[in-house]
Amino acid sequence: MPLLSIPRTWWAAICLLPLLGCSQQAPGGPAQKAFDALVVSCTQFIAAREPYLRPGSGGEWIKTGYSPAQVQSEVTRTESAVTPYVAKIVIKDNEAQATATTEAAARAVPLTPAHLLSNRTHTFIYRFDGQQWHWQNGQKLTKIPGQRDAITSLALADISGPSPRGFAGCLPR
């Protein structure tokens, strides 16, 4: 059968055949296992958050709490020998807030969707140096109903604190 008589669809398949093994390999090994452990630690840390109380400026008490968070993660292989993997954790939750005239009354308020203050998305970026994961940077997107969305860059100091405001459980150890 002469080469020119091969149907066009077969030519496309023949030309693409050598490319089948060229896609980047899925992460695996120690990098993936270490990042999976970090995601578990982060998820558990966030799930353990409790609402907190603080006095307001006008004598009232403010109760702030968070919805259960959705935690998503992704590890990507790079072409770099120095940083063979990069990864991210995306945390989506809602922040609710209620006020009351006394501390006891604020403590008793069950936070509901009616108390929604904002929808938040935290994105943390990590890099793997071949030995361990390092936190690289982060940002917080806050959506407050009736207001403009706000994006805030986060430094390591912003997230390294304890719960409920910090994300220390999402940092590599």
N, C-alpha and C. Protein backbone atom coordinates (compact mmCIF):
# COMPACT_ATOMS: atom_id res chain seq x y z
N MET A 1 0.86 -1.16 0.00
CA MET A 1 0.00 0.00 0.00
C MET A 1 0.90 1.22 0.00
N PRO A 2 0.79 2.06 -1.00
CA PRO A 2 1.63 3.25 -1.05
C PRO A 2 1.28 4.22 0.08
N LEU A 3 2.28 4.97 0.58
CA LEU A 3 2.09 5.90 1.68
C LEU A 3 1.05 6.98 1.38
N LEU A 4 0.97 7.42 0.16
CA LEU A 4 0.04 8.49 -0.18
C LEU A 4 -1.41 8.06 -0.17
N SER A 5 -1.67 6.76 -0.18
CA SER A 5 -3.06 6.29 -0.19
C SER A 5 -3.60 6.07 1.24
N ILE A 6 -2.80 6.34 2.28
CA ILE A 6 -3.27 6.20 3.66
C ILE A 6 -4.24 7.35 3.95
N PRO A 7 -5.43 7.05 4.51
CA PRO A 7 -6.40 8.11 4.80
C PRO A 7 -5.84 9.17 5.74
N ARG A 8 -6.34 10.39 5.60
CA ARG A 8 -5.86 11.53 6.39
C ARG A 8 -5.97 11.28 7.89
N THR A 9 -7.06 10.67 8.36
CA THR A 9 -7.22 10.42 9.79
C THR A 9 -6.14 9.48 10.32
N TRP A 10 -5.72 8.55 9.49
CA TRP A 10 -4.64 7.66 9.90
C TRP A 10 -3.33 8.41 9.98
N TRP A 11 -3.10 9.35 9.05
CA TRP A 11 -1.87 10.15 9.08
C TRP A 11 -1.80 10.94 10.39
N ALA A 12 -2.91 11.51 10.80
CA ALA A 12 -2.94 12.27 12.04
C ALA A 12 -2.59 11.36 13.21
N ALA A 13 -3.15 10.17 13.24
CA ALA A 13 -2.86 9.23 14.32
C ALA A 13 -1.39 8.81 14.31
N ILE A 14 -0.85 8.57 13.13
CA ILE A 14 0.55 8.15 13.02
C ILE A 14 1.48 9.28 13.48
N CYS A 15 1.13 10.52 13.12
CA CYS A 15 1.97 11.66 13.50
C CYS A 15 1.91 11.95 14.99
N LEU A 16 0.77 11.69 15.63
CA LEU A 16 0.62 11.97 17.05
C LEU A 16 1.11 10.83 17.94
N LEU A 17 1.29 9.67 17.42
CA LEU A 17 1.70 8.50 18.18
C LEU A 17 2.97 8.74 18.99
N PRO A 18 4.03 9.34 18.43
CA PRO A 18 5.23 9.55 19.24
C PRO A 18 5.02 10.51 20.41
N LEU A 19 3.96 11.31 20.42
CA LEU A 19 3.73 12.27 21.49
C LEU A 19 3.00 11.69 22.69
N LEU A 20 2.55 10.47 22.61
CA LEU A 20 1.76 9.89 23.68
C LEU A 20 2.48 9.90 25.03
N GLY A 21 3.73 9.70 25.09
CA GLY A 21 4.46 9.67 26.36
C GLY A 21 5.02 11.00 26.77
N CYS A 22 4.69 12.09 26.07
CA CYS A 22 5.30 13.38 26.34
C CYS A 22 4.59 14.20 27.41
N SER A 23 3.43 13.83 27.84
CA SER A 23 2.77 14.64 28.87
C SER A 23 3.54 14.50 30.18
N GLN A 24 3.45 15.54 31.00
CA GLN A 24 4.17 15.51 32.27
C GLN A 24 3.60 14.41 33.15
N GLN A 25 4.48 13.78 33.86
CA GLN A 25 4.07 12.69 34.73
C GLN A 25 3.32 13.25 35.93
N ALA A 26 2.38 12.50 36.41
CA ALA A 26 1.66 12.89 37.62
C ALA A 26 2.63 12.85 38.80
N PRO A 27 2.47 13.76 39.75
CA PRO A 27 3.34 13.75 40.92
C PRO A 27 3.18 12.44 41.67
N GLY A 28 4.21 12.05 42.32
CA GLY A 28 4.17 10.84 43.11
C GLY A 28 5.34 10.82 44.07
N GLY A 29 5.50 9.73 44.75
CA GLY A 29 6.63 9.56 45.64
C GLY A 29 6.58 10.46 46.87
N PRO A 30 7.76 10.77 47.41
CA PRO A 30 7.83 11.54 48.66
C PRO A 30 7.18 12.92 48.58
N ALA A 31 7.28 13.59 47.45
CA ALA A 31 6.69 14.93 47.32
C ALA A 31 5.16 14.84 47.47
N GLN A 32 4.53 13.92 46.78
CA GLN A 32 3.08 13.79 46.85
C GLN A 32 2.65 13.35 48.25
N LYS A 33 3.35 12.38 48.84
CA LYS A 33 2.99 11.91 50.18
C LYS A 33 3.11 13.03 51.21
N ALA A 34 4.17 13.80 51.12
CA ALA A 34 4.37 14.91 52.07
C ALA A 34 3.30 15.97 51.88
N PHE A 35 2.94 16.25 50.64
CA PHE A 35 1.90 17.26 50.41
C PHE A 35 0.53 16.75 50.85
N ASP A 36 0.25 15.48 50.61
CA ASP A 36 -1.01 14.90 51.07
C ASP A 36 -1.12 15.03 52.60
N ALA A 37 -0.02 14.79 53.31
CA ALA A 37 -0.01 14.93 54.76
C ALA A 37 -0.27 16.39 55.17
N LEU A 38 0.31 17.33 54.42
CA LEU A 38 0.09 18.74 54.70
C LEU A 38 -1.39 19.11 54.48
N VAL A 39 -2.00 18.59 53.44
CA VAL A 39 -3.42 18.87 53.16
C VAL A 39 -4.29 18.30 54.28
N VAL A 40 -3.97 17.11 54.77
CA VAL A 40 -4.73 16.51 55.88
C VAL A 40 -4.58 17.39 57.12
N SER A 41 -3.36 17.81 57.43
CA SER A 41 -3.12 18.68 58.58
C SER A 41 -3.90 19.98 58.46
N CYS A 42 -3.89 20.57 57.28
CA CYS A 42 -4.59 21.82 57.02
C CYS A 42 -6.10 21.63 57.19
N THR A 43 -6.62 20.57 56.62
CA THR A 43 -8.06 20.29 56.70
C THR A 43 -8.50 20.08 58.14
N GLN A 44 -7.73 19.33 58.92
CA GLN A 44 -8.06 19.08 60.32
C GLN A 44 -7.97 20.37 61.14
N PHE A 45 -6.97 21.17 60.87
CA PHE A 45 -6.79 22.44 61.58
C PHE A 45 -7.99 23.36 61.34
N ILE A 46 -8.42 23.45 60.10
CA ILE A 46 -9.54 24.32 59.75
C ILE A 46 -10.85 23.78 60.32
N ALA A 47 -11.03 22.47 60.30
CA ALA A 47 -12.25 21.86 60.82
C ALA A 47 -12.40 22.07 62.33
N ALA A 48 -11.29 22.26 63.03
CA ALA A 48 -11.32 22.43 64.48
C ALA A 48 -11.61 23.87 64.92
N ARG A 49 -11.76 24.79 63.97
CA ARG A 49 -12.02 26.19 64.34
C ARG A 49 -13.33 26.30 65.10
N GLU A 50 -13.32 27.15 66.10
CA GLU A 50 -14.50 27.44 66.89
C GLU A 50 -14.82 28.93 66.75
N PRO A 51 -16.10 29.30 66.87
CA PRO A 51 -16.42 30.73 66.88
C PRO A 51 -15.71 31.41 68.05
N TYR A 52 -15.43 32.68 67.90
CA TYR A 52 -14.77 33.41 68.98
C TYR A 52 -15.52 34.70 69.27
N LEU A 53 -15.35 35.19 70.50
CA LEU A 53 -16.03 36.40 70.96
C LEU A 53 -15.00 37.49 71.20
N ARG A 54 -15.45 38.73 70.99
CA ARG A 54 -14.61 39.88 71.33
C ARG A 54 -15.53 41.05 71.63
N PRO A 55 -15.06 41.93 72.50
CA PRO A 55 -15.88 43.12 72.78
C PRO A 55 -15.85 44.08 71.60
N GLY A 56 -16.99 44.70 71.32
CA GLY A 56 -17.08 45.69 70.26
C GLY A 56 -16.75 47.08 70.79
N SER A 57 -16.66 48.03 69.92
CA SER A 57 -16.29 49.39 70.32
C SER A 57 -17.42 50.12 71.02
N GLY A 58 -18.66 49.68 70.84
CA GLY A 58 -19.81 50.36 71.46
C GLY A 58 -20.35 49.64 72.68
N GLY A 59 -19.57 48.74 73.28
CA GLY A 59 -20.02 48.02 74.46
C GLY A 59 -20.69 46.69 74.16
N GLU A 60 -20.99 46.42 72.92
CA GLU A 60 -21.62 45.15 72.54
C GLU A 60 -20.54 44.06 72.44
N TRP A 61 -21.02 42.84 72.30
CA TRP A 61 -20.12 41.70 72.09
C TRP A 61 -20.33 41.16 70.69
N ILE A 62 -19.23 40.77 70.04
CA ILE A 62 -19.27 40.29 68.66
C ILE A 62 -18.83 38.83 68.63
N LYS A 63 -19.67 38.00 68.02
CA LYS A 63 -19.34 36.59 67.83
C LYS A 63 -19.06 36.38 66.35
N THR A 64 -17.90 35.79 66.05
CA THR A 64 -17.50 35.53 64.67
C THR A 64 -17.22 34.03 64.53
N GLY A 65 -17.72 33.45 63.46
CA GLY A 65 -17.49 32.04 63.20
C GLY A 65 -17.37 31.79 61.71
N TYR A 66 -17.03 30.57 61.36
CA TYR A 66 -16.77 30.19 59.97
C TYR A 66 -17.55 28.94 59.62
N SER A 67 -18.01 28.87 58.39
CA SER A 67 -18.69 27.67 57.91
C SER A 67 -17.66 26.57 57.75
N PRO A 68 -18.11 25.33 57.64
CA PRO A 68 -17.15 24.27 57.28
C PRO A 68 -16.48 24.64 55.96
N ALA A 69 -15.20 24.46 55.91
CA ALA A 69 -14.43 24.88 54.73
C ALA A 69 -14.35 23.77 53.69
N GLN A 70 -14.30 24.20 52.46
CA GLN A 70 -14.01 23.30 51.35
C GLN A 70 -12.51 23.46 51.07
N VAL A 71 -11.76 22.37 51.15
CA VAL A 71 -10.31 22.41 50.94
C VAL A 71 -9.98 21.62 49.68
N GLN A 72 -9.34 22.30 48.72
CA GLN A 72 -8.93 21.65 47.48
C GLN A 72 -7.41 21.79 47.35
N SER A 73 -6.79 20.80 46.75
CA SER A 73 -5.33 20.85 46.60
C SER A 73 -4.93 20.35 45.22
N GLU A 74 -3.74 20.74 44.84
CA GLU A 74 -3.22 20.34 43.53
C GLU A 74 -1.70 20.38 43.58
N VAL A 75 -1.06 19.35 43.07
CA VAL A 75 0.39 19.29 42.94
C VAL A 75 0.72 19.20 41.45
N THR A 76 1.69 20.01 41.02
CA THR A 76 2.07 20.03 39.61
C THR A 76 3.57 19.82 39.49
N ARG A 77 3.95 18.93 38.60
CA ARG A 77 5.37 18.70 38.31
C ARG A 77 5.86 19.82 37.40
N THR A 78 7.08 20.28 37.64
CA THR A 78 7.68 21.34 36.82
C THR A 78 8.83 20.76 36.01
N GLU A 79 9.43 21.59 35.20
CA GLU A 79 10.60 21.19 34.41
C GLU A 79 11.90 21.53 35.15
N SER A 80 11.80 22.12 36.33
CA SER A 80 12.97 22.59 37.07
C SER A 80 13.54 21.52 37.99
N ALA A 81 14.85 21.37 37.96
CA ALA A 81 15.52 20.46 38.89
C ALA A 81 15.58 21.07 40.29
N VAL A 82 15.57 22.38 40.37
CA VAL A 82 15.64 23.09 41.65
C VAL A 82 14.30 23.03 42.38
N THR A 83 13.22 23.17 41.66
CA THR A 83 11.86 23.11 42.22
C THR A 83 11.06 22.13 41.36
N PRO A 84 11.21 20.84 41.64
CA PRO A 84 10.55 19.86 40.78
C PRO A 84 9.02 19.84 40.88
N TYR A 85 8.47 20.39 41.97
CA TYR A 85 7.02 20.42 42.14
C TYR A 85 6.60 21.77 42.72
N VAL A 86 5.43 22.20 42.34
CA VAL A 86 4.75 23.32 42.98
C VAL A 86 3.35 22.82 43.32
N ALA A 87 2.73 23.46 44.29
CA ALA A 87 1.40 23.01 44.71
C ALA A 87 0.61 24.17 45.26
N LYS A 88 -0.69 23.94 45.39
CA LYS A 88 -1.53 24.95 46.01
C LYS A 88 -2.62 24.28 46.82
N ILE A 89 -3.06 25.02 47.82
CA ILE A 89 -4.22 24.65 48.61
C ILE A 89 -5.17 25.82 48.51
N VAL A 90 -6.43 25.52 48.17
CA VAL A 90 -7.47 26.54 48.08
C VAL A 90 -8.51 26.21 49.15
N ILE A 91 -8.78 27.20 50.01
CA ILE A 91 -9.73 27.02 51.11
C ILE A 91 -10.87 28.00 50.89
N LYS A 92 -12.08 27.47 50.80
CA LYS A 92 -13.27 28.30 50.62
C LYS A 92 -14.16 28.14 51.85
N ASP A 93 -14.53 29.27 52.44
CA ASP A 93 -15.45 29.23 53.57
C ASP A 93 -16.24 30.53 53.64
N ASN A 94 -17.15 30.58 54.57
CA ASN A 94 -17.95 31.78 54.82
C ASN A 94 -17.66 32.26 56.22
N GLU A 95 -17.66 33.56 56.40
CA GLU A 95 -17.47 34.16 57.71
C GLU A 95 -18.81 34.76 58.13
N ALA A 96 -19.25 34.44 59.34
CA ALA A 96 -20.52 34.96 59.86
C ALA A 96 -20.24 35.73 61.14
N GLN A 97 -21.08 36.72 61.40
CA GLN A 97 -20.86 37.55 62.57
C GLN A 97 -22.20 38.01 63.14
N ALA A 98 -22.30 37.98 64.46
CA ALA A 98 -23.50 38.45 65.14
C ALA A 98 -23.07 39.27 66.35
N THR A 99 -23.93 40.18 66.76
CA THR A 99 -23.64 41.01 67.94
C THR A 99 -24.75 40.83 68.96
N ALA A 100 -24.40 41.06 70.21
CA ALA A 100 -25.36 41.00 71.31
C ALA A 100 -24.90 41.98 72.39
N THR A 101 -25.81 42.29 73.30
CA THR A 101 -25.50 43.30 74.32
C THR A 101 -24.60 42.76 75.43
N THR A 102 -24.62 41.45 75.65
CA THR A 102 -23.76 40.87 76.69
C THR A 102 -22.93 39.73 76.12
N GLU A 103 -21.88 39.38 76.84
CA GLU A 103 -21.04 38.28 76.40
C GLU A 103 -21.83 36.97 76.38
N ALA A 104 -22.64 36.73 77.41
CA ALA A 104 -23.42 35.50 77.48
C ALA A 104 -24.43 35.43 76.32
N ALA A 105 -25.05 36.54 76.01
CA ALA A 105 -26.01 36.55 74.91
C ALA A 105 -25.32 36.30 73.57
N ALA A 106 -24.14 36.87 73.38
CA ALA A 106 -23.39 36.65 72.13
C ALA A 106 -22.97 35.19 72.02
N ARG A 107 -22.53 34.61 73.13
CA ARG A 107 -22.12 33.20 73.13
C ARG A 107 -23.30 32.30 72.75
N ALA A 108 -24.51 32.67 73.14
CA ALA A 108 -25.70 31.85 72.89
C ALA A 108 -26.25 31.99 71.46
N VAL A 109 -25.81 32.98 70.71
CA VAL A 109 -26.35 33.19 69.36
C VAL A 109 -25.87 32.07 68.44
N PRO A 110 -26.80 31.32 67.82
CA PRO A 110 -26.38 30.34 66.81
C PRO A 110 -26.15 31.08 65.48
N LEU A 111 -24.95 31.00 64.95
CA LEU A 111 -24.65 31.67 63.69
C LEU A 111 -25.33 30.92 62.55
N THR A 112 -26.04 31.65 61.71
CA THR A 112 -26.80 31.08 60.60
C THR A 112 -26.42 31.82 59.31
N PRO A 113 -26.89 31.35 58.15
CA PRO A 113 -26.63 32.09 56.91
C PRO A 113 -27.11 33.55 56.96
N ALA A 114 -28.08 33.84 57.80
CA ALA A 114 -28.55 35.22 57.94
C ALA A 114 -27.47 36.13 58.52
N HIS A 115 -26.48 35.55 59.18
CA HIS A 115 -25.38 36.32 59.77
C HIS A 115 -24.17 36.43 58.85
N LEU A 116 -24.34 36.03 57.59
CA LEU A 116 -23.21 36.03 56.65
C LEU A 116 -22.54 37.40 56.59
N LEU A 117 -21.25 37.41 56.79
CA LEU A 117 -20.45 38.63 56.66
C LEU A 117 -19.73 38.62 55.32
N SER A 118 -19.10 37.48 54.99
CA SER A 118 -18.36 37.41 53.73
C SER A 118 -18.14 35.96 53.29
N ASN A 119 -17.91 35.80 51.99
CA ASN A 119 -17.42 34.55 51.41
C ASN A 119 -15.93 34.76 51.22
N ARG A 120 -15.14 33.77 51.59
CA ARG A 120 -13.69 33.94 51.51
C ARG A 120 -13.06 32.78 50.75
N THR A 121 -12.02 33.10 49.99
CA THR A 121 -11.21 32.09 49.33
C THR A 121 -9.76 32.39 49.62
N HIS A 122 -9.11 31.48 50.33
CA HIS A 122 -7.68 31.60 50.60
C HIS A 122 -6.94 30.68 49.63
N THR A 123 -5.90 31.18 49.00
CA THR A 123 -5.08 30.38 48.10
C THR A 123 -3.64 30.44 48.59
N PHE A 124 -3.08 29.28 48.91
CA PHE A 124 -1.70 29.19 49.39
C PHE A 124 -0.88 28.44 48.35
N ILE A 125 0.28 28.97 48.03
CA ILE A 125 1.18 28.38 47.04
C ILE A 125 2.41 27.83 47.76
N TYR A 126 2.82 26.64 47.36
CA TYR A 126 3.96 25.95 47.97
C TYR A 126 4.94 25.53 46.87
N ARG A 127 6.19 25.33 47.27
CA ARG A 127 7.20 24.80 46.35
C ARG A 127 7.93 23.66 47.05
N PHE A 128 8.34 22.70 46.27
CA PHE A 128 9.08 21.55 46.80
C PHE A 128 10.50 21.66 46.28
N ASP A 129 11.48 21.62 47.18
CA ASP A 129 12.88 21.80 46.78
C ASP A 129 13.62 20.49 46.55
N GLY A 130 12.90 19.40 46.49
CA GLY A 130 13.52 18.09 46.33
C GLY A 130 13.61 17.34 47.65
N GLN A 131 13.51 18.08 48.76
CA GLN A 131 13.58 17.49 50.09
C GLN A 131 12.29 17.72 50.89
N GLN A 132 11.79 18.96 50.82
CA GLN A 132 10.60 19.30 51.62
C GLN A 132 9.81 20.43 50.96
N TRP A 133 8.58 20.60 51.45
CA TRP A 133 7.70 21.64 50.97
C TRP A 133 7.95 22.94 51.73
N HIS A 134 7.80 24.06 51.04
CA HIS A 134 7.94 25.39 51.63
C HIS A 134 6.74 26.22 51.22
N TRP A 135 6.20 27.01 52.18
CA TRP A 135 5.13 27.94 51.85
C TRP A 135 5.76 29.07 51.05
N GLN A 136 5.17 29.42 49.93
CA GLN A 136 5.74 30.44 49.04
C GLN A 136 5.01 31.77 49.16
N ASN A 137 3.69 31.75 49.02
CA ASN A 137 2.90 32.98 49.15
C ASN A 137 1.43 32.61 49.25
N GLY A 138 0.62 33.64 49.42
CA GLY A 138 -0.82 33.40 49.51
C GLY A 138 -1.60 34.66 49.28
N GLN A 139 -2.89 34.46 49.09
CA GLN A 139 -3.80 35.59 48.95
C GLN A 139 -5.16 35.21 49.48
N LYS A 140 -5.93 36.24 49.84
CA LYS A 140 -7.30 36.03 50.31
C LYS A 140 -8.22 36.88 49.45
N LEU A 141 -9.24 36.25 48.90
CA LEU A 141 -10.28 36.94 48.16
C LEU A 141 -11.50 36.98 49.08
N THR A 142 -11.97 38.18 49.37
CA THR A 142 -13.13 38.34 50.24
C THR A 142 -14.26 38.96 49.44
N LYS A 143 -15.41 38.31 49.49
CA LYS A 143 -16.61 38.82 48.82
C LYS A 143 -17.62 39.15 49.90
N ILE A 144 -17.90 40.44 50.02
CA ILE A 144 -18.88 40.91 50.99
C ILE A 144 -20.11 41.37 50.21
N PRO A 145 -21.27 40.81 50.51
CA PRO A 145 -22.48 41.20 49.76
C PRO A 145 -22.66 42.72 49.78
N GLY A 146 -22.92 43.28 48.60
CA GLY A 146 -23.16 44.71 48.48
C GLY A 146 -21.91 45.57 48.44
N GLN A 147 -20.73 44.94 48.46
CA GLN A 147 -19.48 45.69 48.40
C GLN A 147 -18.59 45.10 47.32
N ARG A 148 -17.53 45.82 47.02
CA ARG A 148 -16.55 45.33 46.04
C ARG A 148 -15.76 44.16 46.63
N ASP A 149 -15.39 43.23 45.77
CA ASP A 149 -14.52 42.14 46.20
C ASP A 149 -13.15 42.72 46.56
N ALA A 150 -12.49 42.11 47.54
CA ALA A 150 -11.17 42.57 47.96
C ALA A 150 -10.19 41.41 47.91
N ILE A 151 -9.04 41.66 47.30
CA ILE A 151 -7.97 40.66 47.28
C ILE A 151 -6.83 41.19 48.14
N THR A 152 -6.39 40.36 49.07
CA THR A 152 -5.33 40.73 49.99
C THR A 152 -4.18 39.75 49.84
N SER A 153 -2.97 40.26 49.66
CA SER A 153 -1.79 39.39 49.67
C SER A 153 -1.51 38.99 51.10
N LEU A 154 -1.11 37.74 51.28
CA LEU A 154 -0.82 37.24 52.62
C LEU A 154 0.66 36.91 52.75
N ALA A 155 1.24 37.34 53.83
CA ALA A 155 2.62 37.00 54.15
C ALA A 155 2.61 35.82 55.12
N LEU A 156 3.75 35.22 55.30
CA LEU A 156 3.88 34.08 56.20
C LEU A 156 3.38 34.45 57.60
N ALA A 157 3.68 35.66 58.06
CA ALA A 157 3.24 36.09 59.38
C ALA A 157 1.71 36.15 59.48
N ASP A 158 1.04 36.44 58.38
CA ASP A 158 -0.43 36.51 58.38
C ASP A 158 -1.08 35.16 58.62
N ILE A 159 -0.48 34.11 58.14
CA ILE A 159 -1.13 32.80 58.25
C ILE A 159 -0.53 31.91 59.31
N SER A 160 0.60 32.27 59.88
CA SER A 160 1.29 31.37 60.81
C SER A 160 0.68 31.37 62.21
N GLY A 161 -0.31 32.22 62.46
CA GLY A 161 -0.92 32.29 63.77
C GLY A 161 -1.86 31.13 64.04
N PRO A 162 -2.30 31.06 65.29
CA PRO A 162 -3.22 29.99 65.67
C PRO A 162 -4.64 30.27 65.16
N SER A 163 -5.49 29.28 65.29
CA SER A 163 -6.89 29.42 64.93
C SER A 163 -7.53 30.40 65.91
N PRO A 164 -8.54 31.12 65.58
CA PRO A 164 -9.38 30.96 64.42
C PRO A 164 -8.95 31.82 63.23
N ARG A 165 -8.08 32.79 63.44
CA ARG A 165 -7.72 33.68 62.34
C ARG A 165 -6.55 33.19 61.52
N GLY A 166 -5.65 32.46 62.12
CA GLY A 166 -4.46 31.96 61.43
C GLY A 166 -4.69 30.62 60.77
N PHE A 167 -3.67 30.19 60.05
CA PHE A 167 -3.74 28.90 59.34
C PHE A 167 -2.46 28.10 59.59
N ALA A 168 -1.98 28.11 60.83
CA ALA A 168 -0.72 27.44 61.15
C ALA A 168 -0.70 25.97 60.74
N GLY A 169 -1.85 25.32 60.76
CA GLY A 169 -1.93 23.91 60.36
C GLY A 169 -1.73 23.69 58.87
N CYS A 170 -1.68 24.76 58.10
CA CYS A 170 -1.50 24.66 56.66
C CYS A 170 -0.06 24.97 56.26
N LEU A 171 0.83 25.06 57.24
CA LEU A 171 2.23 25.34 56.95
C LEU A 171 3.06 24.06 57.06
N PRO A 172 4.00 23.87 56.15
CA PRO A 172 4.88 22.68 56.25
C PRO A 172 5.68 22.74 57.54
N ARG A 173 5.94 21.58 58.10
CA ARG A 173 6.74 21.51 59.34
C ARG A 173 8.08 20.93 59.06
